[in-house]
């Protein structure tokens, strides 16, 4: 397995969440003074754009695919926010103990 990211991997729920999290963290690094609202809006836009892009590439540009991709984008956004907060809370707990 030489490929870290392929369209098939990004096309999965976990793959899309991974890519959105990575891109959002890079955005936060590049623009360190961005507000929480701006970061969340960026993550939402990335979630929607990536799910629609993957749907069009893998299944075609039918309206059914795009509607489902938009709904999936909302689910990806909600999940990535939860994943980030879970990891941030765990990191804070480790810092308090150590």
Foldseek 3Di string as FASTA:
>chain_A
DPDPDDLVQCQDLVNVLVVLLVVLVVVCVVVVPDDPVVSLVSSLVSLLVSLQVSLCVPPNDDPVSSVVSNVSSVVSSVVSVVVVVVVVVVVVVVVVVD
